[in-house]
Amino acid sequence: MLLTLTLQVFVVVFVIALLWHIFEKAGQPGWASIIPGYNVYILLKITGVIKR
């Protein structure tokens, strides 16, 4: 059970780090990657789905 929890924490931290890097490369603030909902909105802006 401890191994599973450790693996899950590692995956979550890894995904946040990757999203942070993607956001900064796209000219967006990195902290936006950790706000639920707002990060999806910013990703949609980055990909061009939302034209705002």
N, C-alpha and C. Protein backbone atom coordinates (compact mmCIF):
# COMPACT_ATOMS: atom_id res chain seq x y z
N MET A 1 0.82 -1.19 0.00
CA MET A 1 0.00 0.00 0.00
C MET A 1 0.87 1.26 0.00
N LEU A 2 1.95 1.24 0.74
CA LEU A 2 2.83 2.40 0.79
C LEU A 2 3.49 2.63 -0.57
N LEU A 3 3.83 1.55 -1.26
CA LEU A 3 4.43 1.66 -2.59
C LEU A 3 3.46 2.30 -3.56
N THR A 4 2.20 1.92 -3.50
CA THR A 4 1.17 2.49 -4.39
C THR A 4 0.99 3.98 -4.12
N LEU A 5 0.93 4.35 -2.87
CA LEU A 5 0.78 5.76 -2.51
C LEU A 5 1.99 6.56 -2.96
N THR A 6 3.17 6.03 -2.79
CA THR A 6 4.39 6.71 -3.21
C THR A 6 4.40 6.90 -4.72
N LEU A 7 4.00 5.88 -5.45
CA LEU A 7 3.95 5.95 -6.90
C LEU A 7 2.94 6.99 -7.36
N GLN A 8 1.78 7.04 -6.71
CA GLN A 8 0.76 8.01 -7.08
C GLN A 8 1.24 9.44 -6.83
N VAL A 9 1.89 9.67 -5.72
CA VAL A 9 2.42 11.00 -5.41
C VAL A 9 3.48 11.38 -6.44
N PHE A 10 4.34 10.44 -6.79
CA PHE A 10 5.37 10.71 -7.79
C PHE A 10 4.74 11.09 -9.13
N VAL A 11 3.72 10.37 -9.55
CA VAL A 11 3.06 10.65 -10.83
C VAL A 11 2.41 12.03 -10.80
N VAL A 12 1.75 12.38 -9.73
CA VAL A 12 1.09 13.69 -9.62
C VAL A 12 2.13 14.81 -9.68
N VAL A 13 3.20 14.67 -8.94
CA VAL A 13 4.26 15.70 -8.94
C VAL A 13 4.89 15.79 -10.33
N PHE A 14 5.10 14.67 -10.99
CA PHE A 14 5.69 14.65 -12.32
C PHE A 14 4.78 15.36 -13.33
N VAL A 15 3.49 15.10 -13.28
CA VAL A 15 2.55 15.73 -14.20
C VAL A 15 2.48 17.24 -13.95
N ILE A 16 2.47 17.65 -12.70
CA ILE A 16 2.47 19.08 -12.38
C ILE A 16 3.73 19.75 -12.91
N ALA A 17 4.87 19.10 -12.75
CA ALA A 17 6.13 19.67 -13.25
C ALA A 17 6.11 19.79 -14.77
N LEU A 18 5.57 18.79 -15.46
CA LEU A 18 5.48 18.86 -16.92
C LEU A 18 4.54 19.97 -17.37
N LEU A 19 3.38 20.06 -16.74
CA LEU A 19 2.43 21.11 -17.10
C LEU A 19 3.02 22.50 -16.82
N TRP A 20 3.74 22.64 -15.70
CA TRP A 20 4.36 23.91 -15.35
C TRP A 20 5.31 24.33 -16.47
N HIS A 21 6.10 23.38 -16.95
CA HIS A 21 7.07 23.66 -18.01
C HIS A 21 6.35 24.02 -19.32
N ILE A 22 5.30 23.32 -19.66
CA ILE A 22 4.53 23.61 -20.87
C ILE A 22 3.93 25.00 -20.79
N PHE A 23 3.36 25.35 -19.65
CA PHE A 23 2.74 26.66 -19.50
C PHE A 23 3.77 27.77 -19.66
N GLU A 24 4.94 27.62 -19.05
CA GLU A 24 5.96 28.65 -19.16
C GLU A 24 6.50 28.76 -20.59
N LYS A 25 6.63 27.65 -21.29
CA LYS A 25 7.08 27.68 -22.68
C LYS A 25 6.07 28.41 -23.57
N ALA A 26 4.79 28.33 -23.22
CA ALA A 26 3.74 28.97 -23.99
C ALA A 26 3.51 30.42 -23.58
N GLY A 27 4.29 30.92 -22.64
CA GLY A 27 4.15 32.31 -22.21
C GLY A 27 3.07 32.53 -21.17
N GLN A 28 2.63 31.48 -20.53
CA GLN A 28 1.62 31.57 -19.48
C GLN A 28 2.30 31.40 -18.12
N PRO A 29 1.67 31.85 -17.05
CA PRO A 29 2.27 31.66 -15.72
C PRO A 29 2.28 30.18 -15.33
N GLY A 30 3.38 29.71 -14.77
CA GLY A 30 3.50 28.31 -14.40
C GLY A 30 2.56 27.90 -13.29
N TRP A 31 2.26 28.83 -12.38
CA TRP A 31 1.38 28.51 -11.26
C TRP A 31 -0.02 28.13 -11.72
N ALA A 32 -0.39 28.53 -12.94
CA ALA A 32 -1.73 28.22 -13.45
C ALA A 32 -1.92 26.72 -13.65
N SER A 33 -0.83 25.99 -13.70
CA SER A 33 -0.94 24.53 -13.93
C SER A 33 -1.45 23.78 -12.72
N ILE A 34 -1.46 24.40 -11.55
CA ILE A 34 -1.89 23.69 -10.34
C ILE A 34 -3.29 24.09 -9.88
N ILE A 35 -3.95 24.99 -10.61
CA ILE A 35 -5.31 25.42 -10.25
C ILE A 35 -6.31 24.60 -11.07
N PRO A 36 -7.10 23.75 -10.40
CA PRO A 36 -8.05 22.92 -11.15
C PRO A 36 -9.07 23.78 -11.91
N GLY A 37 -9.35 23.39 -13.11
CA GLY A 37 -10.31 24.12 -13.94
C GLY A 37 -9.63 25.24 -14.72
N TYR A 38 -8.90 26.09 -14.04
CA TYR A 38 -8.20 27.18 -14.70
C TYR A 38 -7.10 26.64 -15.61
N ASN A 39 -6.46 25.56 -15.18
CA ASN A 39 -5.40 24.98 -16.02
C ASN A 39 -5.97 24.43 -17.33
N VAL A 40 -7.17 23.91 -17.29
CA VAL A 40 -7.81 23.41 -18.52
C VAL A 40 -8.13 24.59 -19.44
N TYR A 41 -8.62 25.68 -18.87
CA TYR A 41 -8.92 26.88 -19.64
C TYR A 41 -7.65 27.40 -20.33
N ILE A 42 -6.55 27.47 -19.61
CA ILE A 42 -5.29 27.95 -20.18
C ILE A 42 -4.78 26.98 -21.25
N LEU A 43 -4.90 25.68 -21.01
CA LEU A 43 -4.49 24.70 -22.03
C LEU A 43 -5.31 24.87 -23.30
N LEU A 44 -6.60 25.15 -23.17
CA LEU A 44 -7.43 25.37 -24.34
C LEU A 44 -7.02 26.64 -25.08
N LYS A 45 -6.62 27.67 -24.33
CA LYS A 45 -6.11 28.89 -24.96
C LYS A 45 -4.79 28.60 -25.69
N ILE A 46 -3.92 27.81 -25.08
CA ILE A 46 -2.62 27.51 -25.69
C ILE A 46 -2.82 26.75 -26.99
N THR A 47 -3.74 25.80 -27.00
CA THR A 47 -3.94 24.97 -28.19
C THR A 47 -4.76 25.67 -29.26
N GLY A 48 -5.40 26.78 -28.93
CA GLY A 48 -6.15 27.54 -29.92
C GLY A 48 -7.61 27.18 -30.01
N VAL A 49 -8.11 26.36 -29.12
CA VAL A 49 -9.53 26.01 -29.12
C VAL A 49 -10.35 27.23 -28.72
N ILE A 50 -9.84 28.00 -27.76
CA ILE A 50 -10.48 29.24 -27.33
C ILE A 50 -9.69 30.39 -27.92
N LYS A 51 -10.37 31.31 -28.59
CA LYS A 51 -9.69 32.39 -29.29
C LYS A 51 -9.71 33.70 -28.50
N ARG A 52 -9.53 33.68 -27.21
CA ARG A 52 -9.52 34.91 -26.41
C ARG A 52 -8.14 35.37 -26.13
